[in-house]
């Protein structure tokens, strides 16, 4: 794909990228796709998938208590538990505000570990990573931010998100639809968004502006970006997903570079489909 060559102009030491069609086939790759990169918050969709597996296995219920008083597994996944960004401090009642929370995902990991009797990194490995063939991916600490992976492995995950095999497609559809609609909140790096739509562990593009995807990305686009300069998005309307991993922290360079890159990927996929 010609659009992938745009990553050569990014001001980063290293970048690996992949584009995955809805049928799971890889439309193109660029860079060292087998190199492992810290994912930062792109860890969250992987952790969420493991949580949804625990739900389907009956180990937890989405609406059972978890986290601060009044909060549930669903609240933790949707960043509506009321927990602060990076500390175990309650800032709002559950369901009242969209407060992006690493602490919430850490509480989620602890809850699932207690419910299953399996340490959360191991549960993620056994339930999600191994079945998808993601041998170069691991969780090395917090389920909010300490994943390490490759573009090749995340391409496998992107294929799963578009045509689920490990989970019931209805579960994935719920996870990638807006939970607690209408809540406003801060999208890290992009300021206050009203509404700040989120699913169960997946950010939903909706009408957010500014945003790290493209202006032609459909409102149904879901995924996540990480402060380590990483992202994964799936656009179900376009029938395509894209992964990019870098070794430069997110900053103004990414704000400038990612949307036109996304635009080019979507345009090339659309042109190929005509």
C-alpha atoms as a PDB file:
ATOM      1  CA  UNK A   1       0.000   0.000   0.000  1.00  0.00           C
ATOM      2  CA  UNK A   2       1.413   3.343  -1.080  1.00  0.00           C
ATOM      3  CA  UNK A   3      -0.164   5.146   1.873  1.00  0.00           C
ATOM      4  CA  UNK A   4       2.011   3.197   4.306  1.00  0.00           C
ATOM      5  CA  UNK A   5       5.078   4.904   2.873  1.00  0.00           C
ATOM      6  CA  UNK A   6       3.863   8.130   4.510  1.00  0.00           C
ATOM      7  CA  UNK A   7       5.201   6.766   7.802  1.00  0.00           C
ATOM      8  CA  UNK A   8       8.737   7.267   6.450  1.00  0.00           C
ATOM      9  CA  UNK A   9       8.187  11.012   6.908  1.00  0.00           C
ATOM     10  CA  UNK A  10       7.149  10.735  10.547  1.00  0.00           C
ATOM     11  CA  UNK A  11       9.739  12.289  12.899  1.00  0.00           C
ATOM     12  CA  UNK A  12      10.331   9.025  14.759  1.00  0.00           C
ATOM     13  CA  UNK A  13      13.353   6.704  14.965  1.00  0.00           C
ATOM     14  CA  UNK A  14      11.314   3.591  14.143  1.00  0.00           C
ATOM     15  CA  UNK A  15       7.772   2.875  12.984  1.00  0.00           C
ATOM     16  CA  UNK A  16       6.011  -0.354  12.079  1.00  0.00           C
ATOM     17  CA  UNK A  17       2.528  -0.322  10.573  1.00  0.00           C
ATOM     18  CA  UNK A  18      -0.041  -2.712   9.152  1.00  0.00           C
ATOM     19  CA  UNK A  19      -3.420  -2.434   7.451  1.00  0.00           C
ATOM     20  CA  UNK A  20      -5.910  -5.283   7.853  1.00  0.00           C
ATOM     21  CA  UNK A  21      -9.060  -5.828   5.812  1.00  0.00           C
ATOM     22  CA  UNK A  22     -12.368  -6.918   7.330  1.00  0.00           C
ATOM     23  CA  UNK A  23     -11.792 -10.494   6.132  1.00  0.00           C
ATOM     24  CA  UNK A  24      -8.577 -10.648   8.172  1.00  0.00           C
ATOM     25  CA  UNK A  25      -6.217 -10.419   5.216  1.00  0.00           C
ATOM     26  CA  UNK A  26      -3.298  -8.020   5.514  1.00  0.00           C
ATOM     27  CA  UNK A  27      -3.541  -5.289   2.890  1.00  0.00           C
ATOM     28  CA  UNK A  28      -0.015  -4.056   3.535  1.00  0.00           C
ATOM     29  CA  UNK A  29       2.762  -3.586   6.086  1.00  0.00           C
ATOM     30  CA  UNK A  30       5.691  -1.233   6.499  1.00  0.00           C
ATOM     31  CA  UNK A  31       8.732  -1.223   8.745  1.00  0.00           C
ATOM     32  CA  UNK A  32       9.965  -3.832  11.232  1.00  0.00           C
ATOM     33  CA  UNK A  33       6.608  -5.475  11.946  1.00  0.00           C
ATOM     34  CA  UNK A  34       8.226  -8.127  14.129  1.00  0.00           C
ATOM     35  CA  UNK A  35       9.863  -5.592  16.478  1.00  0.00           C
ATOM     36  CA  UNK A  36       8.378  -5.318  19.958  1.00  0.00           C
ATOM     37  CA  UNK A  37       7.220  -1.874  21.112  1.00  0.00           C
ATOM     38  CA  UNK A  38       5.712  -0.675  24.410  1.00  0.00           C
ATOM     39  CA  UNK A  39       1.987  -0.201  23.760  1.00  0.00           C
ATOM     40  CA  UNK A  40       1.100   2.205  26.568  1.00  0.00           C
ATOM     41  CA  UNK A  41      -2.698   2.568  26.517  1.00  0.00           C
ATOM     42  CA  UNK A  42      -3.154   0.398  23.429  1.00  0.00           C
ATOM     43  CA  UNK A  43      -2.854  -2.251  26.168  1.00  0.00           C
ATOM     44  CA  UNK A  44      -6.412  -1.402  27.255  1.00  0.00           C
ATOM     45  CA  UNK A  45      -8.276  -2.991  24.304  1.00  0.00           C
ATOM     46  CA  UNK A  46      -6.341  -6.229  24.891  1.00  0.00           C
ATOM     47  CA  UNK A  47      -7.166  -6.134  28.596  1.00  0.00           C
ATOM     48  CA  UNK A  48     -10.803  -5.381  27.771  1.00  0.00           C
ATOM     49  CA  UNK A  49     -10.965  -8.386  25.458  1.00  0.00           C
ATOM     50  CA  UNK A  50      -9.750 -10.613  28.289  1.00  0.00           C
ATOM     51  CA  UNK A  51     -12.369  -9.071  30.589  1.00  0.00           C
ATOM     52  CA  UNK A  52     -15.087  -9.797  28.036  1.00  0.00           C
ATOM     53  CA  UNK A  53     -13.836 -13.378  27.824  1.00  0.00           C
ATOM     54  CA  UNK A  54     -14.171 -13.663  31.599  1.00  0.00           C
ATOM     55  CA  UNK A  55     -17.740 -12.406  31.186  1.00  0.00           C
ATOM     56  CA  UNK A  56     -18.561 -14.945  28.478  1.00  0.00           C
ATOM     57  CA  UNK A  57     -17.033 -17.735  30.560  1.00  0.00           C
ATOM     58  CA  UNK A  58     -19.268 -16.770  33.482  1.00  0.00           C
ATOM     59  CA  UNK A  59     -16.425 -15.772  35.791  1.00  0.00           C
ATOM     60  CA  UNK A  60     -17.793 -12.219  36.084  1.00  0.00           C
ATOM     61  CA  UNK A  61     -20.935 -10.306  35.150  1.00  0.00           C
ATOM     62  CA  UNK A  62     -20.731  -6.893  33.542  1.00  0.00           C
ATOM     63  CA  UNK A  63     -23.055  -5.407  36.134  1.00  0.00           C
ATOM     64  CA  UNK A  64     -21.548  -6.954  39.248  1.00  0.00           C
ATOM     65  CA  UNK A  65     -19.829  -4.684  41.788  1.00  0.00           C
ATOM     66  CA  UNK A  66     -16.198  -3.880  41.009  1.00  0.00           C
ATOM     67  CA  UNK A  67     -14.024  -0.913  41.862  1.00  0.00           C
ATOM     68  CA  UNK A  68     -15.306   1.919  44.088  1.00  0.00           C
ATOM     69  CA  UNK A  69     -18.706   1.728  45.829  1.00  0.00           C
ATOM     70  CA  UNK A  70     -21.565   1.647  43.335  1.00  0.00           C
ATOM     71  CA  UNK A  71     -19.270   0.848  40.416  1.00  0.00           C
ATOM     72  CA  UNK A  72     -19.439  -2.279  38.253  1.00  0.00           C
ATOM     73  CA  UNK A  73     -17.258  -4.132  35.757  1.00  0.00           C
ATOM     74  CA  UNK A  74     -19.096  -2.220  33.033  1.00  0.00           C
ATOM     75  CA  UNK A  75     -18.269   1.132  34.663  1.00  0.00           C
ATOM     76  CA  UNK A  76     -14.576   0.222  34.894  1.00  0.00           C
ATOM     77  CA  UNK A  77     -14.431  -0.784  31.229  1.00  0.00           C
ATOM     78  CA  UNK A  78     -16.243   2.378  30.106  1.00  0.00           C
ATOM     79  CA  UNK A  79     -14.218   4.844  32.215  1.00  0.00           C
ATOM     80  CA  UNK A  80     -17.310   5.794  34.210  1.00  0.00           C
ATOM     81  CA  UNK A  81     -16.420   4.322  37.619  1.00  0.00           C
ATOM     82  CA  UNK A  82     -15.514   7.747  38.975  1.00  0.00           C
ATOM     83  CA  UNK A  83     -11.901   6.770  39.704  1.00  0.00           C
ATOM     84  CA  UNK A  84      -9.203   9.345  39.019  1.00  0.00           C
ATOM     85  CA  UNK A  85      -6.787   9.065  36.107  1.00  0.00           C
ATOM     86  CA  UNK A  86      -3.831   7.465  37.861  1.00  0.00           C
ATOM     87  CA  UNK A  87      -4.709   7.044  41.521  1.00  0.00           C
ATOM     88  CA  UNK A  88      -7.195   5.156  43.633  1.00  0.00           C
ATOM     89  CA  UNK A  89      -9.252   8.265  44.382  1.00  0.00           C
ATOM     90  CA  UNK A  90     -12.966   8.691  43.649  1.00  0.00           C
ATOM     91  CA  UNK A  91     -13.774  11.906  41.785  1.00  0.00           C
ATOM     92  CA  UNK A  92     -17.412  11.308  40.812  1.00  0.00           C
ATOM     93  CA  UNK A  93     -20.318   8.942  41.316  1.00  0.00           C
ATOM     94  CA  UNK A  94     -20.368   5.941  38.952  1.00  0.00           C
ATOM     95  CA  UNK A  95     -21.992   6.711  35.606  1.00  0.00           C
ATOM     96  CA  UNK A  96     -21.872  10.473  36.149  1.00  0.00           C
ATOM     97  CA  UNK A  97     -18.764  11.495  34.177  1.00  0.00           C
ATOM     98  CA  UNK A  98     -16.341   9.985  31.683  1.00  0.00           C
ATOM     99  CA  UNK A  99     -13.070  10.104  33.609  1.00  0.00           C
ATOM    100  CA  UNK A 100     -10.328   8.325  31.693  1.00  0.00           C
ATOM    101  CA  UNK A 101      -8.757   6.089  34.316  1.00  0.00           C
ATOM    102  CA  UNK A 102      -5.690   3.863  34.405  1.00  0.00           C
ATOM    103  CA  UNK A 103      -6.624   3.138  38.002  1.00  0.00           C
ATOM    104  CA  UNK A 104      -9.966   1.797  36.789  1.00  0.00           C
ATOM    105  CA  UNK A 105      -8.287  -0.732  34.505  1.00  0.00           C
ATOM    106  CA  UNK A 106      -5.962  -1.777  37.300  1.00  0.00           C
ATOM    107  CA  UNK A 107      -9.000  -2.350  39.524  1.00  0.00           C
ATOM    108  CA  UNK A 108     -10.548  -4.335  36.673  1.00  0.00           C
ATOM    109  CA  UNK A 109      -7.464  -6.547  36.359  1.00  0.00           C
ATOM    110  CA  UNK A 110      -7.453  -7.186  40.105  1.00  0.00           C
ATOM    111  CA  UNK A 111     -11.160  -8.026  40.063  1.00  0.00           C
ATOM    112  CA  UNK A 112     -10.821 -10.551  37.246  1.00  0.00           C
ATOM    113  CA  UNK A 113      -7.744 -12.129  38.820  1.00  0.00           C
ATOM    114  CA  UNK A 114      -9.703 -12.599  42.043  1.00  0.00           C
ATOM    115  CA  UNK A 115     -12.728 -14.008  40.199  1.00  0.00           C
ATOM    116  CA  UNK A 116     -10.748 -16.471  38.073  1.00  0.00           C
ATOM    117  CA  UNK A 117      -7.927 -17.338  40.453  1.00  0.00           C
ATOM    118  CA  UNK A 118      -5.454 -16.580  37.645  1.00  0.00           C
ATOM    119  CA  UNK A 119      -3.079 -13.588  37.578  1.00  0.00           C
ATOM    120  CA  UNK A 120      -4.443 -11.177  34.984  1.00  0.00           C
ATOM    121  CA  UNK A 121      -1.366 -11.214  32.671  1.00  0.00           C
ATOM    122  CA  UNK A 122      -1.612 -15.009  32.589  1.00  0.00           C
ATOM    123  CA  UNK A 123      -5.361 -14.906  31.970  1.00  0.00           C
ATOM    124  CA  UNK A 124      -4.806 -12.532  29.047  1.00  0.00           C
ATOM    125  CA  UNK A 125      -2.074 -14.762  27.635  1.00  0.00           C
ATOM    126  CA  UNK A 126      -4.059 -17.989  27.904  1.00  0.00           C
ATOM    127  CA  UNK A 127      -7.390 -16.565  26.822  1.00  0.00           C
ATOM    128  CA  UNK A 128      -6.507 -14.083  24.098  1.00  0.00           C
ATOM    129  CA  UNK A 129      -2.857 -13.951  23.083  1.00  0.00           C
ATOM    130  CA  UNK A 130      -2.122 -17.659  22.616  1.00  0.00           C
ATOM    131  CA  UNK A 131      -5.328 -18.497  20.700  1.00  0.00           C
ATOM    132  CA  UNK A 132      -4.672 -15.601  18.301  1.00  0.00           C
ATOM    133  CA  UNK A 133      -1.042 -16.578  17.774  1.00  0.00           C
ATOM    134  CA  UNK A 134       0.237 -13.376  19.411  1.00  0.00           C
ATOM    135  CA  UNK A 135       3.438 -15.024  20.636  1.00  0.00           C
ATOM    136  CA  UNK A 136       5.414 -11.763  20.799  1.00  0.00           C
ATOM    137  CA  UNK A 137       2.875  -9.953  22.984  1.00  0.00           C
ATOM    138  CA  UNK A 138       2.970  -9.834  26.764  1.00  0.00           C
ATOM    139  CA  UNK A 139       1.549  -7.873  29.659  1.00  0.00           C
ATOM    140  CA  UNK A 140       4.421  -6.829  31.888  1.00  0.00           C
ATOM    141  CA  UNK A 141       2.589  -4.999  34.640  1.00  0.00           C
ATOM    142  CA  UNK A 142      -0.493  -2.790  34.614  1.00  0.00           C
ATOM    143  CA  UNK A 143      -3.434  -3.847  32.406  1.00  0.00           C
ATOM    144  CA  UNK A 144      -3.872  -0.139  31.695  1.00  0.00           C
ATOM    145  CA  UNK A 145      -0.515   0.508  30.057  1.00  0.00           C
ATOM    146  CA  UNK A 146       2.184  -2.150  30.300  1.00  0.00           C
ATOM    147  CA  UNK A 147       1.612  -4.286  27.217  1.00  0.00           C
ATOM    148  CA  UNK A 148       4.399  -4.939  24.709  1.00  0.00           C
ATOM    149  CA  UNK A 149       3.645  -6.153  21.192  1.00  0.00           C
ATOM    150  CA  UNK A 150       4.485  -6.098  17.500  1.00  0.00           C
ATOM    151  CA  UNK A 151       2.621  -4.772  14.483  1.00  0.00           C
ATOM    152  CA  UNK A 152       2.305  -8.364  13.244  1.00  0.00           C
ATOM    153  CA  UNK A 153       0.626  -9.448  16.476  1.00  0.00           C
ATOM    154  CA  UNK A 154      -1.687  -6.433  16.633  1.00  0.00           C
ATOM    155  CA  UNK A 155      -2.693  -7.134  13.036  1.00  0.00           C
ATOM    156  CA  UNK A 156      -3.935 -10.510  14.290  1.00  0.00           C
ATOM    157  CA  UNK A 157      -5.910  -8.743  17.000  1.00  0.00           C
ATOM    158  CA  UNK A 158      -7.296  -6.274  14.445  1.00  0.00           C
ATOM    159  CA  UNK A 159      -8.500  -9.228  12.369  1.00  0.00           C
ATOM    160  CA  UNK A 160     -10.201 -10.706  15.443  1.00  0.00           C
ATOM    161  CA  UNK A 161     -11.969  -7.428  16.191  1.00  0.00           C
ATOM    162  CA  UNK A 162     -13.425  -7.340  12.681  1.00  0.00           C
ATOM    163  CA  UNK A 163     -14.456 -11.024  12.557  1.00  0.00           C
ATOM    164  CA  UNK A 164     -14.527 -12.368  16.127  1.00  0.00           C
ATOM    165  CA  UNK A 165     -13.666 -15.988  16.754  1.00  0.00           C
ATOM    166  CA  UNK A 166     -12.833 -15.922  20.457  1.00  0.00           C
ATOM    167  CA  UNK A 167     -15.923 -13.976  21.524  1.00  0.00           C
ATOM    168  CA  UNK A 168     -19.529 -13.894  20.421  1.00  0.00           C
ATOM    169  CA  UNK A 169     -19.821 -11.164  17.758  1.00  0.00           C
ATOM    170  CA  UNK A 170     -22.710  -9.702  19.782  1.00  0.00           C
ATOM    171  CA  UNK A 171     -20.366  -9.168  22.735  1.00  0.00           C
ATOM    172  CA  UNK A 172     -17.841  -7.376  20.530  1.00  0.00           C
ATOM    173  CA  UNK A 173     -20.631  -5.281  18.984  1.00  0.00           C
ATOM    174  CA  UNK A 174     -21.683  -4.185  22.477  1.00  0.00           C
ATOM    175  CA  UNK A 175     -18.080  -3.447  23.458  1.00  0.00           C
ATOM    176  CA  UNK A 176     -17.594  -1.255  20.402  1.00  0.00           C
ATOM    177  CA  UNK A 177     -20.855   0.667  20.841  1.00  0.00           C
ATOM    178  CA  UNK A 178     -21.323   3.676  23.113  1.00  0.00           C
ATOM    179  CA  UNK A 179     -21.814   2.843  26.793  1.00  0.00           C
ATOM    180  CA  UNK A 180     -23.493   5.528  28.925  1.00  0.00           C
ATOM    181  CA  UNK A 181     -24.211   7.868  25.980  1.00  0.00           C
ATOM    182  CA  UNK A 182     -23.979  11.630  26.330  1.00  0.00           C
ATOM    183  CA  UNK A 183     -21.243  11.818  28.950  1.00  0.00           C
ATOM    184  CA  UNK A 184     -18.608  14.476  28.468  1.00  0.00           C
ATOM    185  CA  UNK A 185     -15.008  14.143  29.511  1.00  0.00           C
ATOM    186  CA  UNK A 186     -11.391  14.761  28.600  1.00  0.00           C
ATOM    187  CA  UNK A 187      -9.775  12.696  25.849  1.00  0.00           C
ATOM    188  CA  UNK A 188      -6.082  12.679  26.826  1.00  0.00           C
ATOM    189  CA  UNK A 189      -4.081  14.801  24.419  1.00  0.00           C
ATOM    190  CA  UNK A 190      -7.192  16.280  22.793  1.00  0.00           C
ATOM    191  CA  UNK A 191      -9.038  18.075  25.579  1.00  0.00           C
ATOM    192  CA  UNK A 192     -12.684  18.179  26.618  1.00  0.00           C
ATOM    193  CA  UNK A 193     -15.050  16.277  24.334  1.00  0.00           C
ATOM    194  CA  UNK A 194     -18.823  16.549  24.566  1.00  0.00           C
ATOM    195  CA  UNK A 195     -19.817  13.807  24.226  1.00  0.00           C
ATOM    196  CA  UNK A 196     -16.738  11.721  24.979  1.00  0.00           C
ATOM    197  CA  UNK A 197     -18.021   8.428  23.600  1.00  0.00           C
ATOM    198  CA  UNK A 198     -16.554   5.158  24.812  1.00  0.00           C
ATOM    199  CA  UNK A 199     -17.444   1.487  24.624  1.00  0.00           C
ATOM    200  CA  UNK A 200     -16.230  -1.335  26.856  1.00  0.00           C
ATOM    201  CA  UNK A 201     -12.498  -0.675  26.711  1.00  0.00           C
ATOM    202  CA  UNK A 202     -12.612   0.833  23.227  1.00  0.00           C
ATOM    203  CA  UNK A 203     -12.737   4.525  22.413  1.00  0.00           C
ATOM    204  CA  UNK A 204     -15.530   5.367  19.941  1.00  0.00           C
ATOM    205  CA  UNK A 205     -14.789   8.172  17.497  1.00  0.00           C
ATOM    206  CA  UNK A 206     -18.343   9.524  17.316  1.00  0.00           C
ATOM    207  CA  UNK A 207     -18.307  13.268  16.644  1.00  0.00           C
ATOM    208  CA  UNK A 208     -15.093  14.064  18.541  1.00  0.00           C
ATOM    209  CA  UNK A 209     -13.055  16.969  17.217  1.00  0.00           C
ATOM    210  CA  UNK A 210     -10.105  17.210  17.275  1.00  0.00           C
ATOM    211  CA  UNK A 211      -9.324  13.507  17.060  1.00  0.00           C
ATOM    212  CA  UNK A 212      -6.401  11.226  16.285  1.00  0.00           C
ATOM    213  CA  UNK A 213      -8.199   9.420  13.430  1.00  0.00           C
ATOM    214  CA  UNK A 214      -9.184  11.060  10.139  1.00  0.00           C
ATOM    215  CA  UNK A 215     -11.954  13.478   9.249  1.00  0.00           C
ATOM    216  CA  UNK A 216     -13.431  10.830   6.950  1.00  0.00           C
ATOM    217  CA  UNK A 217     -13.235   8.099   9.599  1.00  0.00           C
ATOM    218  CA  UNK A 218     -16.770   6.929  10.291  1.00  0.00           C
ATOM    219  CA  UNK A 219     -18.360   7.771  13.663  1.00  0.00           C
ATOM    220  CA  UNK A 220     -18.396   4.013  14.359  1.00  0.00           C
ATOM    221  CA  UNK A 221     -14.584   3.884  14.233  1.00  0.00           C
ATOM    222  CA  UNK A 222     -13.203   2.406  17.446  1.00  0.00           C
ATOM    223  CA  UNK A 223      -9.809   1.663  18.905  1.00  0.00           C
ATOM    224  CA  UNK A 224      -7.180   3.317  21.092  1.00  0.00           C
ATOM    225  CA  UNK A 225      -3.967   5.282  20.989  1.00  0.00           C
ATOM    226  CA  UNK A 226      -1.092   5.188  23.445  1.00  0.00           C
ATOM    227  CA  UNK A 227       1.260   7.758  24.923  1.00  0.00           C
ATOM    228  CA  UNK A 228       4.178   5.697  23.596  1.00  0.00           C
ATOM    229  CA  UNK A 229       3.240   6.829  20.074  1.00  0.00           C
ATOM    230  CA  UNK A 230       1.057   3.866  19.161  1.00  0.00           C
ATOM    231  CA  UNK A 231      -2.460   3.348  17.818  1.00  0.00           C
ATOM    232  CA  UNK A 232      -4.954   0.785  16.600  1.00  0.00           C
ATOM    233  CA  UNK A 233      -8.210   1.749  14.913  1.00  0.00           C
ATOM    234  CA  UNK A 234     -10.975  -0.239  13.244  1.00  0.00           C
ATOM    235  CA  UNK A 235     -13.417   1.461  10.862  1.00  0.00           C
ATOM    236  CA  UNK A 236     -16.329  -0.957  10.381  1.00  0.00           C
ATOM    237  CA  UNK A 237     -17.925   1.233   7.720  1.00  0.00           C
ATOM    238  CA  UNK A 238     -14.755   1.159   5.613  1.00  0.00           C
ATOM    239  CA  UNK A 239     -14.070  -2.504   6.418  1.00  0.00           C
ATOM    240  CA  UNK A 240     -10.486  -1.913   7.463  1.00  0.00           C
ATOM    241  CA  UNK A 241      -8.212  -1.609  10.482  1.00  0.00           C
ATOM    242  CA  UNK A 242      -4.823   0.006  10.945  1.00  0.00           C
ATOM    243  CA  UNK A 243      -2.014  -0.431  13.470  1.00  0.00           C
ATOM    244  CA  UNK A 244       1.008   1.824  13.937  1.00  0.00           C
ATOM    245  CA  UNK A 245       3.731   1.409  16.562  1.00  0.00           C
ATOM    246  CA  UNK A 246       6.587   3.860  17.120  1.00  0.00           C
ATOM    247  CA  UNK A 247       9.382   4.514  19.583  1.00  0.00           C
ATOM    248  CA  UNK A 248       8.629   8.200  20.087  1.00  0.00           C
ATOM    249  CA  UNK A 249       6.135   9.365  22.700  1.00  0.00           C
ATOM    250  CA  UNK A 250       2.851  10.862  21.555  1.00  0.00           C
ATOM    251  CA  UNK A 251       2.993  14.629  21.051  1.00  0.00           C
ATOM    252  CA  UNK A 252       2.348  17.372  18.497  1.00  0.00           C
ATOM    253  CA  UNK A 253       4.080  15.308  15.822  1.00  0.00           C
ATOM    254  CA  UNK A 254       1.395  12.593  16.164  1.00  0.00           C
ATOM    255  CA  UNK A 255      -1.450  15.130  16.236  1.00  0.00           C
ATOM    256  CA  UNK A 256      -0.152  16.390  12.892  1.00  0.00           C
ATOM    257  CA  UNK A 257       0.851  13.081  11.289  1.00  0.00           C
ATOM    258  CA  UNK A 258      -1.810  10.541  12.200  1.00  0.00           C
ATOM    259  CA  UNK A 259      -5.004  12.060  10.693  1.00  0.00           C
ATOM    260  CA  UNK A 260      -3.633  12.593   7.149  1.00  0.00           C
ATOM    261  CA  UNK A 261      -2.126   9.114   7.267  1.00  0.00           C
ATOM    262  CA  UNK A 262      -5.506   7.675   8.251  1.00  0.00           C
ATOM    263  CA  UNK A 263      -7.148   9.652   5.446  1.00  0.00           C
ATOM    264  CA  UNK A 264      -4.705   8.196   2.939  1.00  0.00           C
ATOM    265  CA  UNK A 265      -5.242   4.628   4.156  1.00  0.00           C
ATOM    266  CA  UNK A 266      -9.023   4.969   3.943  1.00  0.00           C
ATOM    267  CA  UNK A 267      -8.837   6.545   0.474  1.00  0.00           C
ATOM    268  CA  UNK A 268      -6.556   3.802  -0.834  1.00  0.00           C
ATOM    269  CA  UNK A 269      -8.765   1.024   0.570  1.00  0.00           C
ATOM    270  CA  UNK A 270     -11.868   2.690  -0.903  1.00  0.00           C
ATOM    271  CA  UNK A 271     -10.179   3.063  -4.283  1.00  0.00           C
ATOM    272  CA  UNK A 272      -9.101  -0.580  -4.297  1.00  0.00           C
ATOM    273  CA  UNK A 273     -12.674  -1.640  -3.556  1.00  0.00           C
ATOM    274  CA  UNK A 274     -14.140   0.174  -6.536  1.00  0.00           C
END
